[in-house]
Amino acid sequence: MKKNLFREKIREKIANDALQIALDGNADRRTTARVNAFAGIPDHKERRQRAHAIRKDIVDHLDDYVQQFKKKVEENGIKVHLAENADEAMQIFMEIAGQHDAHLVAKSKSHVSSPG
């Protein structure tokens, strides 16, 4: 799929009100489910604090963790692409999609997105 056609399809889907309503409903259901799940855990506040401490450690040492991750997955034959910024990430993504004539893409992490 050509880059312009791909972007046109993205714009078309973003402008689809029914799709956006469905996505909003999905987000609401996930949020409600998350709140309900935490309510059933007696020590959820302590676990949340521990999770925040773990996250802080990871953010403080992110470069080390990224290199550890990259090394491990490359040992398993997976190619890792690192980008300096959102524009570079999108460029890498579009090149990969173009190489495979992608017609459908599922985005699962915000790391592959552009703030605009």
N, C-alpha and C. Protein backbone atom coordinates (compact mmCIF):
# COMPACT_ATOMS: atom_id res chain seq x y z
N MET A 1 0.86 -1.18 0.00
CA MET A 1 0.00 0.00 0.00
C MET A 1 0.90 1.24 0.00
N LYS A 2 0.60 2.16 -0.85
CA LYS A 2 1.37 3.40 -0.94
C LYS A 2 1.15 4.25 0.30
N LYS A 3 2.15 5.04 0.63
CA LYS A 3 2.13 5.87 1.84
C LYS A 3 0.91 6.80 1.88
N ASN A 4 0.62 7.47 0.78
CA ASN A 4 -0.51 8.41 0.75
C ASN A 4 -1.85 7.70 0.91
N LEU A 5 -2.01 6.54 0.27
CA LEU A 5 -3.25 5.77 0.38
C LEU A 5 -3.42 5.27 1.82
N PHE A 6 -2.32 4.82 2.41
CA PHE A 6 -2.35 4.36 3.80
C PHE A 6 -2.80 5.49 4.72
N ARG A 7 -2.23 6.66 4.58
CA ARG A 7 -2.61 7.81 5.41
C ARG A 7 -4.06 8.24 5.14
N GLU A 8 -4.48 8.13 3.91
CA GLU A 8 -5.88 8.46 3.56
C GLU A 8 -6.84 7.52 4.30
N LYS A 9 -6.49 6.23 4.32
CA LYS A 9 -7.34 5.25 5.01
C LYS A 9 -7.35 5.53 6.52
N ILE A 10 -6.23 5.92 7.07
CA ILE A 10 -6.17 6.27 8.49
C ILE A 10 -7.11 7.44 8.77
N ARG A 11 -7.02 8.48 7.95
CA ARG A 11 -7.91 9.65 8.14
C ARG A 11 -9.38 9.26 8.02
N GLU A 12 -9.67 8.37 7.09
CA GLU A 12 -11.04 7.91 6.88
C GLU A 12 -11.56 7.20 8.14
N LYS A 13 -10.74 6.34 8.71
CA LYS A 13 -11.16 5.60 9.90
C LYS A 13 -11.29 6.52 11.11
N ILE A 14 -10.40 7.49 11.23
CA ILE A 14 -10.48 8.44 12.34
C ILE A 14 -11.76 9.26 12.24
N ALA A 15 -12.20 9.57 11.03
CA ALA A 15 -13.40 10.37 10.82
C ALA A 15 -14.69 9.55 10.93
N ASN A 16 -14.57 8.25 11.06
CA ASN A 16 -15.74 7.37 11.14
C ASN A 16 -16.34 7.44 12.54
N ASP A 17 -17.47 8.15 12.67
CA ASP A 17 -18.09 8.35 13.98
C ASP A 17 -18.48 7.04 14.66
N ALA A 18 -19.03 6.09 13.92
CA ALA A 18 -19.44 4.81 14.51
C ALA A 18 -18.23 4.07 15.08
N LEU A 19 -17.14 4.09 14.35
CA LEU A 19 -15.91 3.45 14.82
C LEU A 19 -15.39 4.14 16.08
N GLN A 20 -15.40 5.45 16.08
CA GLN A 20 -14.91 6.19 17.25
C GLN A 20 -15.79 5.93 18.47
N ILE A 21 -17.11 5.84 18.27
CA ILE A 21 -18.02 5.52 19.39
C ILE A 21 -17.70 4.13 19.93
N ALA A 22 -17.48 3.18 19.04
CA ALA A 22 -17.14 1.82 19.46
C ALA A 22 -15.82 1.80 20.23
N LEU A 23 -14.85 2.53 19.75
CA LEU A 23 -13.55 2.58 20.43
C LEU A 23 -13.67 3.25 21.80
N ASP A 24 -14.46 4.33 21.87
CA ASP A 24 -14.69 4.99 23.16
C ASP A 24 -15.37 4.04 24.14
N GLY A 25 -16.37 3.30 23.66
CA GLY A 25 -17.06 2.33 24.51
C GLY A 25 -16.12 1.26 25.02
N ASN A 26 -15.24 0.81 24.15
CA ASN A 26 -14.25 -0.18 24.54
C ASN A 26 -13.33 0.37 25.62
N ALA A 27 -12.89 1.60 25.46
CA ALA A 27 -12.02 2.22 26.46
C ALA A 27 -12.74 2.36 27.80
N ASP A 28 -14.00 2.76 27.74
CA ASP A 28 -14.79 2.88 28.98
C ASP A 28 -14.93 1.54 29.68
N ARG A 29 -15.22 0.49 28.91
CA ARG A 29 -15.36 -0.85 29.51
C ARG A 29 -14.05 -1.32 30.14
N ARG A 30 -12.94 -1.06 29.47
CA ARG A 30 -11.65 -1.47 30.02
C ARG A 30 -11.35 -0.72 31.31
N THR A 31 -11.66 0.58 31.35
CA THR A 31 -11.43 1.37 32.56
C THR A 31 -12.27 0.85 33.71
N THR A 32 -13.54 0.61 33.45
CA THR A 32 -14.44 0.09 34.48
C THR A 32 -13.96 -1.27 34.98
N ALA A 33 -13.55 -2.13 34.07
CA ALA A 33 -13.07 -3.46 34.45
C ALA A 33 -11.81 -3.35 35.31
N ARG A 34 -10.93 -2.43 34.97
CA ARG A 34 -9.70 -2.23 35.74
C ARG A 34 -10.01 -1.78 37.15
N VAL A 35 -10.90 -0.80 37.29
CA VAL A 35 -11.30 -0.29 38.61
C VAL A 35 -11.92 -1.42 39.43
N ASN A 36 -12.79 -2.19 38.81
CA ASN A 36 -13.43 -3.30 39.52
C ASN A 36 -12.43 -4.38 39.92
N ALA A 37 -11.48 -4.64 39.06
CA ALA A 37 -10.46 -5.65 39.37
C ALA A 37 -9.62 -5.22 40.57
N PHE A 38 -9.21 -3.96 40.60
CA PHE A 38 -8.42 -3.47 41.73
C PHE A 38 -9.23 -3.47 43.02
N ALA A 39 -10.50 -3.20 42.93
CA ALA A 39 -11.35 -3.15 44.13
C ALA A 39 -11.38 -4.52 44.82
N GLY A 40 -11.17 -5.58 44.09
CA GLY A 40 -11.20 -6.92 44.66
C GLY A 40 -9.89 -7.37 45.28
N ILE A 41 -8.87 -6.54 45.23
CA ILE A 41 -7.57 -6.90 45.80
C ILE A 41 -7.38 -6.11 47.09
N PRO A 42 -7.31 -6.79 48.24
CA PRO A 42 -7.26 -6.09 49.52
C PRO A 42 -6.08 -5.12 49.66
N ASP A 43 -4.91 -5.48 49.14
CA ASP A 43 -3.73 -4.63 49.31
C ASP A 43 -3.36 -3.90 48.02
N HIS A 44 -4.38 -3.50 47.26
CA HIS A 44 -4.12 -2.90 45.95
C HIS A 44 -3.33 -1.60 46.06
N LYS A 45 -3.52 -0.84 47.13
CA LYS A 45 -2.77 0.43 47.26
C LYS A 45 -1.28 0.17 47.43
N GLU A 46 -0.93 -0.82 48.24
CA GLU A 46 0.50 -1.16 48.43
C GLU A 46 1.10 -1.70 47.13
N ARG A 47 0.34 -2.53 46.43
CA ARG A 47 0.83 -3.06 45.16
C ARG A 47 1.03 -1.93 44.15
N ARG A 48 0.12 -0.99 44.17
CA ARG A 48 0.23 0.15 43.26
C ARG A 48 1.49 0.97 43.58
N GLN A 49 1.77 1.18 44.86
CA GLN A 49 2.97 1.92 45.25
C GLN A 49 4.23 1.17 44.83
N ARG A 50 4.21 -0.16 45.00
CA ARG A 50 5.36 -0.96 44.58
C ARG A 50 5.54 -0.88 43.07
N ALA A 51 4.44 -0.93 42.33
CA ALA A 51 4.50 -0.82 40.88
C ALA A 51 5.09 0.53 40.46
N HIS A 52 4.71 1.59 41.16
CA HIS A 52 5.25 2.92 40.86
C HIS A 52 6.76 2.96 41.11
N ALA A 53 7.21 2.30 42.20
CA ALA A 53 8.64 2.27 42.51
C ALA A 53 9.40 1.50 41.42
N ILE A 54 8.83 0.40 40.97
CA ILE A 54 9.45 -0.39 39.90
C ILE A 54 9.52 0.45 38.62
N ARG A 55 8.43 1.12 38.30
CA ARG A 55 8.39 1.96 37.10
C ARG A 55 9.46 3.05 37.17
N LYS A 56 9.59 3.69 38.34
CA LYS A 56 10.59 4.75 38.51
C LYS A 56 11.99 4.20 38.27
N ASP A 57 12.28 3.01 38.81
CA ASP A 57 13.59 2.39 38.60
C ASP A 57 13.84 2.14 37.12
N ILE A 58 12.81 1.65 36.44
CA ILE A 58 12.97 1.37 35.01
C ILE A 58 13.22 2.66 34.23
N VAL A 59 12.44 3.70 34.54
CA VAL A 59 12.62 4.97 33.84
C VAL A 59 14.01 5.54 34.14
N ASP A 60 14.46 5.43 35.39
CA ASP A 60 15.78 5.94 35.76
C ASP A 60 16.92 5.20 35.07
N HIS A 61 16.68 3.93 34.71
CA HIS A 61 17.72 3.11 34.08
C HIS A 61 17.26 2.57 32.73
N LEU A 62 16.46 3.35 32.04
CA LEU A 62 15.83 2.90 30.80
C LEU A 62 16.83 2.44 29.74
N ASP A 63 17.91 3.18 29.56
CA ASP A 63 18.88 2.80 28.54
C ASP A 63 19.43 1.39 28.79
N ASP A 64 19.71 1.08 30.06
CA ASP A 64 20.21 -0.26 30.39
C ASP A 64 19.17 -1.33 30.07
N TYR A 65 17.92 -1.07 30.45
CA TYR A 65 16.86 -2.05 30.19
C TYR A 65 16.61 -2.23 28.70
N VAL A 66 16.66 -1.16 27.95
CA VAL A 66 16.46 -1.25 26.49
C VAL A 66 17.56 -2.10 25.87
N GLN A 67 18.80 -1.89 26.29
CA GLN A 67 19.91 -2.67 25.74
C GLN A 67 19.80 -4.14 26.12
N GLN A 68 19.37 -4.42 27.37
CA GLN A 68 19.17 -5.81 27.79
C GLN A 68 18.08 -6.47 26.94
N PHE A 69 16.98 -5.75 26.76
CA PHE A 69 15.87 -6.26 25.95
C PHE A 69 16.34 -6.52 24.52
N LYS A 70 17.00 -5.54 23.93
CA LYS A 70 17.46 -5.64 22.55
C LYS A 70 18.37 -6.86 22.38
N LYS A 71 19.30 -7.04 23.30
CA LYS A 71 20.23 -8.17 23.22
C LYS A 71 19.48 -9.50 23.28
N LYS A 72 18.54 -9.62 24.21
CA LYS A 72 17.81 -10.88 24.37
C LYS A 72 16.96 -11.21 23.15
N VAL A 73 16.22 -10.24 22.65
CA VAL A 73 15.35 -10.56 21.52
C VAL A 73 16.15 -10.79 20.24
N GLU A 74 17.25 -10.09 20.08
CA GLU A 74 18.08 -10.33 18.90
C GLU A 74 18.71 -11.72 18.94
N GLU A 75 18.98 -12.23 20.16
CA GLU A 75 19.47 -13.60 20.31
C GLU A 75 18.43 -14.60 19.81
N ASN A 76 17.16 -14.20 19.81
CA ASN A 76 16.08 -15.06 19.34
C ASN A 76 15.69 -14.76 17.89
N GLY A 77 16.52 -14.00 17.20
CA GLY A 77 16.30 -13.76 15.77
C GLY A 77 15.31 -12.65 15.46
N ILE A 78 15.00 -11.83 16.44
CA ILE A 78 14.06 -10.73 16.22
C ILE A 78 14.84 -9.45 15.94
N LYS A 79 14.39 -8.71 14.95
CA LYS A 79 15.05 -7.44 14.61
C LYS A 79 14.43 -6.32 15.43
N VAL A 80 15.27 -5.52 16.04
CA VAL A 80 14.84 -4.40 16.87
C VAL A 80 15.17 -3.10 16.14
N HIS A 81 14.20 -2.21 16.09
CA HIS A 81 14.40 -0.90 15.49
C HIS A 81 14.31 0.14 16.60
N LEU A 82 15.33 0.95 16.74
CA LEU A 82 15.33 2.01 17.75
C LEU A 82 15.25 3.36 17.04
N ALA A 83 14.39 4.22 17.53
CA ALA A 83 14.23 5.54 16.93
C ALA A 83 14.53 6.61 17.97
N GLU A 84 15.06 7.72 17.51
CA GLU A 84 15.38 8.83 18.40
C GLU A 84 14.16 9.67 18.76
N ASN A 85 13.14 9.63 17.89
CA ASN A 85 11.95 10.46 18.14
C ASN A 85 10.76 9.86 17.39
N ALA A 86 9.60 10.48 17.59
CA ALA A 86 8.37 9.97 16.98
C ALA A 86 8.44 9.99 15.46
N ASP A 87 9.02 11.03 14.89
CA ASP A 87 9.10 11.10 13.43
C ASP A 87 9.94 9.96 12.87
N GLU A 88 11.06 9.70 13.52
CA GLU A 88 11.91 8.61 13.06
C GLU A 88 11.21 7.26 13.23
N ALA A 89 10.48 7.09 14.33
CA ALA A 89 9.73 5.85 14.55
C ALA A 89 8.70 5.66 13.45
N MET A 90 7.99 6.73 13.10
CA MET A 90 6.99 6.63 12.03
C MET A 90 7.65 6.32 10.69
N GLN A 91 8.81 6.90 10.45
CA GLN A 91 9.53 6.63 9.19
C GLN A 91 9.90 5.15 9.12
N ILE A 92 10.43 4.61 10.21
CA ILE A 92 10.79 3.18 10.26
C ILE A 92 9.54 2.33 10.04
N PHE A 93 8.48 2.68 10.75
CA PHE A 93 7.22 1.94 10.63
C PHE A 93 6.71 1.95 9.20
N MET A 94 6.68 3.11 8.57
CA MET A 94 6.16 3.21 7.21
C MET A 94 7.03 2.42 6.23
N GLU A 95 8.34 2.41 6.45
CA GLU A 95 9.23 1.63 5.58
C GLU A 95 8.92 0.13 5.71
N ILE A 96 8.74 -0.33 6.95
CA ILE A 96 8.44 -1.74 7.16
C ILE A 96 7.09 -2.09 6.54
N ALA A 97 6.09 -1.26 6.79
CA ALA A 97 4.76 -1.50 6.22
C ALA A 97 4.83 -1.52 4.69
N GLY A 98 5.60 -0.60 4.11
CA GLY A 98 5.74 -0.55 2.66
C GLY A 98 6.44 -1.76 2.09
N GLN A 99 7.44 -2.27 2.82
CA GLN A 99 8.17 -3.46 2.35
C GLN A 99 7.28 -4.69 2.30
N HIS A 100 6.25 -4.69 3.12
CA HIS A 100 5.37 -5.86 3.21
C HIS A 100 4.00 -5.61 2.58
N ASP A 101 3.88 -4.49 1.88
CA ASP A 101 2.62 -4.14 1.22
C ASP A 101 1.44 -4.27 2.20
N ALA A 102 1.62 -3.70 3.39
CA ALA A 102 0.63 -3.82 4.46
C ALA A 102 -0.69 -3.17 4.09
N HIS A 103 -1.77 -3.88 4.35
CA HIS A 103 -3.12 -3.36 4.12
C HIS A 103 -3.86 -3.15 5.42
N LEU A 104 -3.37 -3.79 6.48
CA LEU A 104 -4.00 -3.68 7.78
C LEU A 104 -2.91 -3.65 8.83
N VAL A 105 -3.01 -2.70 9.75
CA VAL A 105 -2.01 -2.55 10.80
C VAL A 105 -2.71 -2.43 12.13
N ALA A 106 -2.23 -3.14 13.13
CA ALA A 106 -2.77 -3.03 14.48
C ALA A 106 -1.72 -2.35 15.34
N LYS A 107 -2.08 -1.26 15.95
CA LYS A 107 -1.17 -0.50 16.80
C LYS A 107 -1.42 -0.91 18.24
N SER A 108 -0.37 -1.39 18.92
CA SER A 108 -0.58 -1.86 20.28
C SER A 108 0.15 -1.03 21.32
N LYS A 109 1.09 -0.26 20.93
CA LYS A 109 1.84 0.56 21.89
C LYS A 109 2.01 1.97 21.35
N SER A 110 2.01 2.91 22.27
CA SER A 110 2.14 4.30 21.87
C SER A 110 3.52 4.63 21.34
N HIS A 111 4.47 3.69 21.47
CA HIS A 111 5.81 3.93 20.97
C HIS A 111 5.84 4.09 19.45
N VAL A 112 4.78 3.61 18.79
CA VAL A 112 4.70 3.72 17.34
C VAL A 112 3.57 4.70 17.03
N SER A 113 3.81 5.94 17.37
CA SER A 113 2.79 6.94 17.08
C SER A 113 3.45 8.31 16.99
N SER A 114 2.71 9.20 16.47
CA SER A 114 3.18 10.57 16.32
C SER A 114 2.24 11.49 17.09
N PRO A 115 2.76 12.48 17.78
CA PRO A 115 1.91 13.34 18.60
C PRO A 115 1.08 14.33 17.79
N GLY A 116 0.83 14.11 16.56
CA GLY A 116 0.07 15.10 15.83
C GLY A 116 -0.88 14.58 14.91
